[in-house]
Amino acid sequence: MGGMSFRDFLKSNQALLGKQAWRLLTSSECLWARLMRSKYYTGGSFLEAGLEYNPSYTWRGIVGAWKVVEMGLRKRIGNGADTYIWKDAWITGTHSGRVLSPCFGDPNILKVSELMTENGHAWDEQKLGLYLLPFEHERVRNIRLSTG
């Protein structure tokens, strides 16, 4: 019968709003992102933004769609200095992206950089074995680290 072949308008709309949320995160200096930042999240980053007093219908949609986008996000390791072992989603091949191994102590202290060798070009096998369960140890070991 023609048309645009949308099977589910709600999912299509959520995908388009999710794309705008991704744009706010990755293109933070474009005019639209600066405008949204000045109105809805002046004190922090888009990741910490919420529904302030009297948000627009568009902003409500973007924040709602962000929750869906966030489920698929994984942090890139880089040098590991800004990625928490237990708090952040950084492991590929898992649903949540987070470490399931039990945390001994405060999860807001240990960072991924502490699982690397001194030069940061390889994983420290002894520390991986100490902090992670065997199946996660293997997944982490398969994450390639940047060499420069």
N, C-alpha and C. Protein backbone atom coordinates (compact mmCIF):
# COMPACT_ATOMS: atom_id res chain seq x y z
N MET A 1 0.82 -1.19 0.00
CA MET A 1 0.00 0.00 0.00
C MET A 1 0.87 1.26 0.00
N GLY A 2 2.18 1.09 -0.11
CA GLY A 2 3.04 2.28 -0.14
C GLY A 2 3.44 2.69 1.26
N GLY A 3 3.72 3.93 1.45
CA GLY A 3 4.11 4.42 2.76
C GLY A 3 5.61 4.35 2.95
N MET A 4 6.03 4.62 4.17
CA MET A 4 7.46 4.66 4.47
C MET A 4 7.96 3.38 5.11
N SER A 5 7.12 2.38 5.23
CA SER A 5 7.48 1.06 5.74
C SER A 5 7.91 1.06 7.21
N PHE A 6 7.41 2.00 7.99
CA PHE A 6 7.66 1.94 9.43
C PHE A 6 6.77 0.88 10.03
N ARG A 7 7.35 -0.08 10.70
CA ARG A 7 6.56 -1.14 11.30
C ARG A 7 6.09 -0.75 12.70
N ASP A 8 6.90 -0.01 13.40
CA ASP A 8 6.55 0.38 14.76
C ASP A 8 6.97 1.84 14.96
N PHE A 9 6.00 2.73 14.99
CA PHE A 9 6.30 4.16 15.09
C PHE A 9 7.01 4.50 16.39
N LEU A 10 6.66 3.85 17.49
CA LEU A 10 7.30 4.16 18.77
C LEU A 10 8.79 3.83 18.74
N LYS A 11 9.13 2.67 18.19
CA LYS A 11 10.55 2.30 18.10
C LYS A 11 11.30 3.19 17.12
N SER A 12 10.66 3.55 16.02
CA SER A 12 11.29 4.44 15.05
C SER A 12 11.56 5.81 15.68
N ASN A 13 10.58 6.32 16.42
CA ASN A 13 10.74 7.61 17.09
C ASN A 13 11.84 7.53 18.15
N GLN A 14 11.86 6.45 18.89
CA GLN A 14 12.89 6.27 19.91
C GLN A 14 14.29 6.20 19.28
N ALA A 15 14.40 5.58 18.13
CA ALA A 15 15.68 5.51 17.43
C ALA A 15 16.13 6.90 16.98
N LEU A 16 15.22 7.70 16.46
CA LEU A 16 15.57 9.06 16.04
C LEU A 16 15.95 9.94 17.23
N LEU A 17 15.23 9.80 18.34
CA LEU A 17 15.58 10.56 19.55
C LEU A 17 16.90 10.08 20.13
N GLY A 18 17.15 8.78 20.05
CA GLY A 18 18.42 8.23 20.50
C GLY A 18 19.58 8.78 19.68
N LYS A 19 19.35 8.99 18.40
CA LYS A 19 20.39 9.56 17.54
C LYS A 19 20.71 10.99 17.98
N GLN A 20 19.70 11.74 18.39
CA GLN A 20 19.94 13.09 18.89
C GLN A 20 20.69 13.06 20.22
N ALA A 21 20.37 12.09 21.07
CA ALA A 21 21.10 11.94 22.33
C ALA A 21 22.57 11.63 22.05
N TRP A 22 22.81 10.75 21.10
CA TRP A 22 24.19 10.40 20.72
C TRP A 22 24.91 11.64 20.19
N ARG A 23 24.20 12.44 19.43
CA ARG A 23 24.79 13.67 18.89
C ARG A 23 25.17 14.64 20.01
N LEU A 24 24.34 14.74 21.04
CA LEU A 24 24.67 15.60 22.18
C LEU A 24 25.94 15.12 22.86
N LEU A 25 26.13 13.82 22.90
CA LEU A 25 27.30 13.24 23.56
C LEU A 25 28.57 13.40 22.73
N THR A 26 28.46 13.19 21.42
CA THR A 26 29.66 13.16 20.58
C THR A 26 29.98 14.47 19.88
N SER A 27 29.00 15.33 19.69
CA SER A 27 29.22 16.62 19.00
C SER A 27 28.82 17.75 19.94
N SER A 28 29.46 17.80 21.07
CA SER A 28 29.04 18.71 22.13
C SER A 28 29.25 20.19 21.81
N GLU A 29 29.99 20.50 20.75
CA GLU A 29 30.23 21.91 20.42
C GLU A 29 29.41 22.43 19.24
N CYS A 30 28.53 21.61 18.68
CA CYS A 30 27.68 22.12 17.61
C CYS A 30 26.64 23.06 18.25
N LEU A 31 26.05 23.93 17.44
CA LEU A 31 25.15 24.97 17.96
C LEU A 31 23.98 24.38 18.73
N TRP A 32 23.37 23.34 18.18
CA TRP A 32 22.22 22.73 18.83
C TRP A 32 22.60 22.14 20.19
N ALA A 33 23.74 21.48 20.26
CA ALA A 33 24.19 20.88 21.52
C ALA A 33 24.49 21.97 22.55
N ARG A 34 25.10 23.06 22.13
CA ARG A 34 25.38 24.16 23.06
C ARG A 34 24.09 24.77 23.58
N LEU A 35 23.08 24.90 22.72
CA LEU A 35 21.79 25.43 23.12
C LEU A 35 21.14 24.51 24.17
N MET A 36 21.13 23.22 23.89
CA MET A 36 20.53 22.26 24.83
C MET A 36 21.29 22.25 26.15
N ARG A 37 22.62 22.34 26.09
CA ARG A 37 23.43 22.37 27.31
C ARG A 37 23.12 23.61 28.14
N SER A 38 22.96 24.75 27.49
CA SER A 38 22.69 25.98 28.24
C SER A 38 21.32 25.94 28.91
N LYS A 39 20.40 25.19 28.35
CA LYS A 39 19.05 25.13 28.91
C LYS A 39 18.85 24.00 29.91
N TYR A 40 19.47 22.82 29.66
CA TYR A 40 19.11 21.64 30.45
C TYR A 40 20.21 21.04 31.31
N TYR A 41 21.47 21.30 31.02
CA TYR A 41 22.51 20.69 31.86
C TYR A 41 23.74 21.58 31.94
N THR A 42 23.55 22.74 32.52
CA THR A 42 24.62 23.73 32.60
C THR A 42 25.76 23.30 33.52
N GLY A 43 25.47 22.58 34.58
CA GLY A 43 26.49 22.26 35.57
C GLY A 43 27.27 20.99 35.34
N GLY A 44 26.93 20.19 34.34
CA GLY A 44 27.61 18.91 34.18
C GLY A 44 27.64 18.48 32.73
N SER A 45 27.67 17.18 32.54
CA SER A 45 27.69 16.64 31.19
C SER A 45 26.31 16.10 30.82
N PHE A 46 26.14 15.79 29.56
CA PHE A 46 24.87 15.22 29.10
C PHE A 46 24.55 13.92 29.83
N LEU A 47 25.58 13.14 30.15
CA LEU A 47 25.37 11.87 30.83
C LEU A 47 24.74 12.05 32.21
N GLU A 48 24.95 13.21 32.83
CA GLU A 48 24.41 13.48 34.16
C GLU A 48 23.13 14.29 34.13
N ALA A 49 22.69 14.69 32.93
CA ALA A 49 21.49 15.52 32.79
C ALA A 49 20.24 14.73 33.13
N GLY A 50 19.25 15.43 33.58
CA GLY A 50 17.98 14.80 33.89
C GLY A 50 16.84 15.68 33.46
N LEU A 51 15.68 15.41 33.99
CA LEU A 51 14.50 16.21 33.68
C LEU A 51 14.39 17.31 34.73
N GLU A 52 14.80 18.50 34.36
CA GLU A 52 14.71 19.64 35.26
C GLU A 52 13.28 20.15 35.28
N TYR A 53 13.07 21.23 35.96
CA TYR A 53 11.75 21.84 36.05
C TYR A 53 11.24 22.24 34.67
N ASN A 54 10.06 21.80 34.31
CA ASN A 54 9.36 22.16 33.09
C ASN A 54 10.17 21.89 31.81
N PRO A 55 10.62 20.66 31.59
CA PRO A 55 11.37 20.36 30.36
C PRO A 55 10.44 20.31 29.15
N SER A 56 11.01 20.55 27.98
CA SER A 56 10.21 20.49 26.75
C SER A 56 9.88 19.03 26.42
N TYR A 57 8.92 18.87 25.54
CA TYR A 57 8.54 17.54 25.10
C TYR A 57 9.72 16.85 24.40
N THR A 58 10.47 17.62 23.62
CA THR A 58 11.63 17.08 22.92
C THR A 58 12.68 16.60 23.90
N TRP A 59 12.97 17.41 24.93
CA TRP A 59 13.99 17.02 25.91
C TRP A 59 13.57 15.77 26.67
N ARG A 60 12.29 15.66 27.00
CA ARG A 60 11.79 14.44 27.66
C ARG A 60 12.04 13.22 26.79
N GLY A 61 11.78 13.36 25.49
CA GLY A 61 11.99 12.25 24.57
C GLY A 61 13.46 11.86 24.45
N ILE A 62 14.34 12.86 24.39
CA ILE A 62 15.78 12.58 24.26
C ILE A 62 16.30 11.90 25.51
N VAL A 63 15.91 12.38 26.69
CA VAL A 63 16.35 11.74 27.94
C VAL A 63 15.80 10.32 28.03
N GLY A 64 14.56 10.11 27.62
CA GLY A 64 13.99 8.76 27.63
C GLY A 64 14.70 7.83 26.67
N ALA A 65 15.04 8.33 25.50
CA ALA A 65 15.74 7.51 24.50
C ALA A 65 17.17 7.24 24.93
N TRP A 66 17.77 8.14 25.69
CA TRP A 66 19.15 7.96 26.13
C TRP A 66 19.28 6.69 26.96
N LYS A 67 18.29 6.36 27.74
CA LYS A 67 18.35 5.15 28.56
C LYS A 67 18.52 3.91 27.69
N VAL A 68 17.91 3.90 26.52
CA VAL A 68 18.05 2.78 25.60
C VAL A 68 19.44 2.77 24.97
N VAL A 69 19.92 3.94 24.56
CA VAL A 69 21.25 4.05 23.96
C VAL A 69 22.31 3.62 24.96
N GLU A 70 22.14 4.03 26.20
CA GLU A 70 23.12 3.75 27.25
C GLU A 70 23.34 2.25 27.48
N MET A 71 22.31 1.45 27.24
CA MET A 71 22.44 0.00 27.44
C MET A 71 23.47 -0.61 26.51
N GLY A 72 23.68 -0.02 25.33
CA GLY A 72 24.62 -0.57 24.38
C GLY A 72 26.00 0.07 24.40
N LEU A 73 26.20 1.06 25.25
CA LEU A 73 27.48 1.76 25.29
C LEU A 73 28.55 0.97 26.02
N ARG A 74 29.76 1.06 25.51
CA ARG A 74 30.94 0.51 26.18
C ARG A 74 32.03 1.56 26.11
N LYS A 75 32.74 1.75 27.20
CA LYS A 75 33.84 2.71 27.21
C LYS A 75 35.05 2.12 26.51
N ARG A 76 35.76 2.96 25.79
CA ARG A 76 37.05 2.57 25.24
C ARG A 76 38.06 2.70 26.37
N ILE A 77 38.99 1.80 26.41
CA ILE A 77 39.92 1.76 27.52
C ILE A 77 40.96 2.87 27.46
N GLY A 78 41.59 3.05 26.32
CA GLY A 78 42.67 4.04 26.25
C GLY A 78 43.75 3.66 27.25
N ASN A 79 44.10 4.59 28.15
CA ASN A 79 45.09 4.27 29.18
C ASN A 79 44.43 3.71 30.44
N GLY A 80 43.10 3.65 30.48
CA GLY A 80 42.37 3.06 31.59
C GLY A 80 42.26 3.93 32.82
N ALA A 81 42.80 5.14 32.77
CA ALA A 81 42.84 6.00 33.95
C ALA A 81 41.48 6.60 34.31
N ASP A 82 40.56 6.67 33.36
CA ASP A 82 39.25 7.24 33.68
C ASP A 82 38.12 6.21 33.60
N THR A 83 38.46 4.93 33.66
CA THR A 83 37.48 3.86 33.61
C THR A 83 37.56 3.03 34.89
N TYR A 84 36.45 2.97 35.61
CA TYR A 84 36.41 2.17 36.84
C TYR A 84 36.14 0.71 36.51
N ILE A 85 36.80 -0.18 37.22
CA ILE A 85 36.69 -1.62 36.93
C ILE A 85 35.26 -2.11 37.12
N TRP A 86 34.63 -1.79 38.24
CA TRP A 86 33.32 -2.33 38.55
C TRP A 86 32.17 -1.38 38.22
N LYS A 87 32.43 -0.13 38.12
CA LYS A 87 31.36 0.86 37.94
C LYS A 87 30.99 1.09 36.48
N ASP A 88 31.98 1.10 35.58
CA ASP A 88 31.74 1.43 34.18
C ASP A 88 31.50 0.20 33.31
N ALA A 89 30.79 0.41 32.20
CA ALA A 89 30.58 -0.65 31.21
C ALA A 89 31.74 -0.59 30.21
N TRP A 90 32.62 -1.58 30.25
CA TRP A 90 33.80 -1.54 29.39
C TRP A 90 34.17 -2.90 28.81
N ILE A 91 33.51 -3.97 29.23
CA ILE A 91 33.83 -5.31 28.73
C ILE A 91 32.87 -5.68 27.61
N THR A 92 33.41 -6.08 26.48
CA THR A 92 32.57 -6.52 25.37
C THR A 92 32.15 -7.96 25.58
N GLY A 93 31.07 -8.34 24.94
CA GLY A 93 30.61 -9.72 25.00
C GLY A 93 29.72 -10.03 26.19
N THR A 94 29.32 -9.00 26.94
CA THR A 94 28.38 -9.20 28.05
C THR A 94 27.19 -8.29 27.83
N HIS A 95 26.08 -8.63 28.44
CA HIS A 95 24.86 -7.83 28.28
C HIS A 95 25.03 -6.44 28.90
N SER A 96 25.54 -6.40 30.11
CA SER A 96 25.65 -5.11 30.80
C SER A 96 26.96 -4.39 30.51
N GLY A 97 27.99 -5.13 30.10
CA GLY A 97 29.29 -4.53 29.86
C GLY A 97 30.09 -4.31 31.13
N ARG A 98 29.52 -4.66 32.26
CA ARG A 98 30.18 -4.44 33.54
C ARG A 98 30.79 -5.75 34.06
N VAL A 99 31.77 -5.60 34.92
CA VAL A 99 32.43 -6.75 35.54
C VAL A 99 31.47 -7.39 36.54
N LEU A 100 31.34 -8.70 36.47
CA LEU A 100 30.47 -9.44 37.38
C LEU A 100 31.23 -10.02 38.56
N SER A 101 32.54 -10.06 38.46
CA SER A 101 33.36 -10.59 39.55
C SER A 101 33.10 -9.78 40.82
N PRO A 102 33.15 -10.44 41.98
CA PRO A 102 32.91 -9.71 43.22
C PRO A 102 33.99 -8.66 43.47
N CYS A 103 33.55 -7.53 43.99
CA CYS A 103 34.46 -6.42 44.27
C CYS A 103 34.84 -6.46 45.74
N PHE A 104 36.13 -6.43 46.01
CA PHE A 104 36.62 -6.41 47.38
C PHE A 104 37.02 -4.99 47.70
N GLY A 105 36.16 -4.28 48.41
CA GLY A 105 36.43 -2.89 48.73
C GLY A 105 35.48 -1.96 47.99
N ASP A 106 35.90 -0.74 47.82
CA ASP A 106 35.09 0.30 47.20
C ASP A 106 35.18 0.22 45.68
N PRO A 107 34.05 0.03 44.96
CA PRO A 107 34.10 -0.07 43.50
C PRO A 107 34.46 1.25 42.82
N ASN A 108 34.45 2.35 43.56
CA ASN A 108 34.78 3.66 42.99
C ASN A 108 36.26 3.99 43.09
N ILE A 109 37.07 3.04 43.49
CA ILE A 109 38.50 3.31 43.66
C ILE A 109 39.32 2.71 42.53
N LEU A 110 39.23 1.42 42.33
CA LEU A 110 40.09 0.74 41.36
C LEU A 110 39.71 1.07 39.92
N LYS A 111 40.73 1.41 39.15
CA LYS A 111 40.53 1.76 37.75
C LYS A 111 41.17 0.70 36.86
N VAL A 112 40.75 0.66 35.61
CA VAL A 112 41.24 -0.34 34.66
C VAL A 112 42.75 -0.21 34.47
N SER A 113 43.28 0.98 34.59
CA SER A 113 44.74 1.16 34.43
C SER A 113 45.52 0.33 35.43
N GLU A 114 44.90 -0.01 36.56
CA GLU A 114 45.58 -0.81 37.57
C GLU A 114 45.65 -2.28 37.19
N LEU A 115 44.96 -2.68 36.12
CA LEU A 115 45.03 -4.05 35.62
C LEU A 115 46.07 -4.20 34.51
N MET A 116 46.76 -3.10 34.21
CA MET A 116 47.75 -3.10 33.13
C MET A 116 49.17 -3.13 33.70
N THR A 117 50.09 -3.46 32.82
CA THR A 117 51.50 -3.43 33.23
C THR A 117 51.93 -1.97 33.40
N GLU A 118 53.13 -1.77 33.90
CA GLU A 118 53.64 -0.41 34.16
C GLU A 118 53.58 0.50 32.94
N ASN A 119 53.95 -0.02 31.77
CA ASN A 119 53.97 0.83 30.58
C ASN A 119 52.59 0.97 29.94
N GLY A 120 51.60 0.20 30.39
CA GLY A 120 50.23 0.31 29.90
C GLY A 120 49.99 -0.30 28.54
N HIS A 121 50.94 -1.10 28.04
CA HIS A 121 50.79 -1.70 26.72
C HIS A 121 50.31 -3.14 26.76
N ALA A 122 50.15 -3.70 27.95
CA ALA A 122 49.70 -5.09 28.07
C ALA A 122 48.94 -5.25 29.39
N TRP A 123 48.16 -6.31 29.46
CA TRP A 123 47.44 -6.62 30.69
C TRP A 123 48.38 -7.32 31.66
N ASP A 124 48.24 -7.02 32.92
CA ASP A 124 49.00 -7.68 33.98
C ASP A 124 48.24 -8.95 34.35
N GLU A 125 48.73 -10.09 33.88
CA GLU A 125 48.04 -11.37 34.07
C GLU A 125 47.81 -11.70 35.54
N GLN A 126 48.75 -11.36 36.40
CA GLN A 126 48.61 -11.65 37.82
C GLN A 126 47.45 -10.86 38.42
N LYS A 127 47.33 -9.59 38.07
CA LYS A 127 46.24 -8.77 38.60
C LYS A 127 44.89 -9.19 38.02
N LEU A 128 44.87 -9.56 36.75
CA LEU A 128 43.62 -10.05 36.16
C LEU A 128 43.13 -11.27 36.91
N GLY A 129 44.04 -12.18 37.20
CA GLY A 129 43.68 -13.39 37.95
C GLY A 129 43.25 -13.08 39.38
N LEU A 130 43.79 -12.04 39.96
CA LEU A 130 43.47 -11.67 41.33
C LEU A 130 42.07 -11.05 41.44
N TYR A 131 41.72 -10.17 40.50
CA TYR A 131 40.47 -9.42 40.61
C TYR A 131 39.29 -10.02 39.85
N LEU A 132 39.54 -10.79 38.80
CA LEU A 132 38.46 -11.22 37.92
C LEU A 132 38.26 -12.73 37.94
N LEU A 133 37.02 -13.14 37.73
CA LEU A 133 36.70 -14.54 37.56
C LEU A 133 37.29 -15.03 36.25
N PRO A 134 37.54 -16.34 36.11
CA PRO A 134 38.22 -16.85 34.90
C PRO A 134 37.56 -16.45 33.58
N PHE A 135 36.24 -16.47 33.50
CA PHE A 135 35.61 -16.13 32.22
C PHE A 135 35.79 -14.65 31.89
N GLU A 136 35.81 -13.78 32.90
CA GLU A 136 36.05 -12.36 32.65
C GLU A 136 37.52 -12.09 32.39
N HIS A 137 38.37 -12.84 33.04
CA HIS A 137 39.80 -12.73 32.81
C HIS A 137 40.08 -12.92 31.32
N GLU A 138 39.47 -13.94 30.74
CA GLU A 138 39.66 -14.24 29.32
C GLU A 138 39.10 -13.13 28.43
N ARG A 139 37.93 -12.60 28.76
CA ARG A 139 37.34 -11.52 27.96
C ARG A 139 38.20 -10.27 27.99
N VAL A 140 38.72 -9.93 29.17
CA VAL A 140 39.55 -8.74 29.30
C VAL A 140 40.86 -8.94 28.55
N ARG A 141 41.42 -10.12 28.67
CA ARG A 141 42.69 -10.39 27.99
C ARG A 141 42.57 -10.22 26.47
N ASN A 142 41.37 -10.43 25.92
CA ASN A 142 41.14 -10.28 24.49
C ASN A 142 40.90 -8.83 24.05
N ILE A 143 40.78 -7.91 25.00
CA ILE A 143 40.63 -6.49 24.66
C ILE A 143 42.00 -5.96 24.30
N ARG A 144 42.11 -5.44 23.09
CA ARG A 144 43.40 -4.92 22.62
C ARG A 144 43.63 -3.54 23.22
N LEU A 145 44.83 -3.32 23.67
CA LEU A 145 45.22 -2.04 24.22
C LEU A 145 45.97 -1.22 23.18
N SER A 146 45.82 0.09 23.26
CA SER A 146 46.54 0.94 22.31
C SER A 146 48.03 0.90 22.64
N THR A 147 48.84 1.01 21.63
CA THR A 147 50.29 0.91 21.84
C THR A 147 50.97 2.25 21.76
N GLY A 148 50.22 3.32 21.79
CA GLY A 148 50.90 4.60 21.74
C GLY A 148 50.03 5.76 21.84
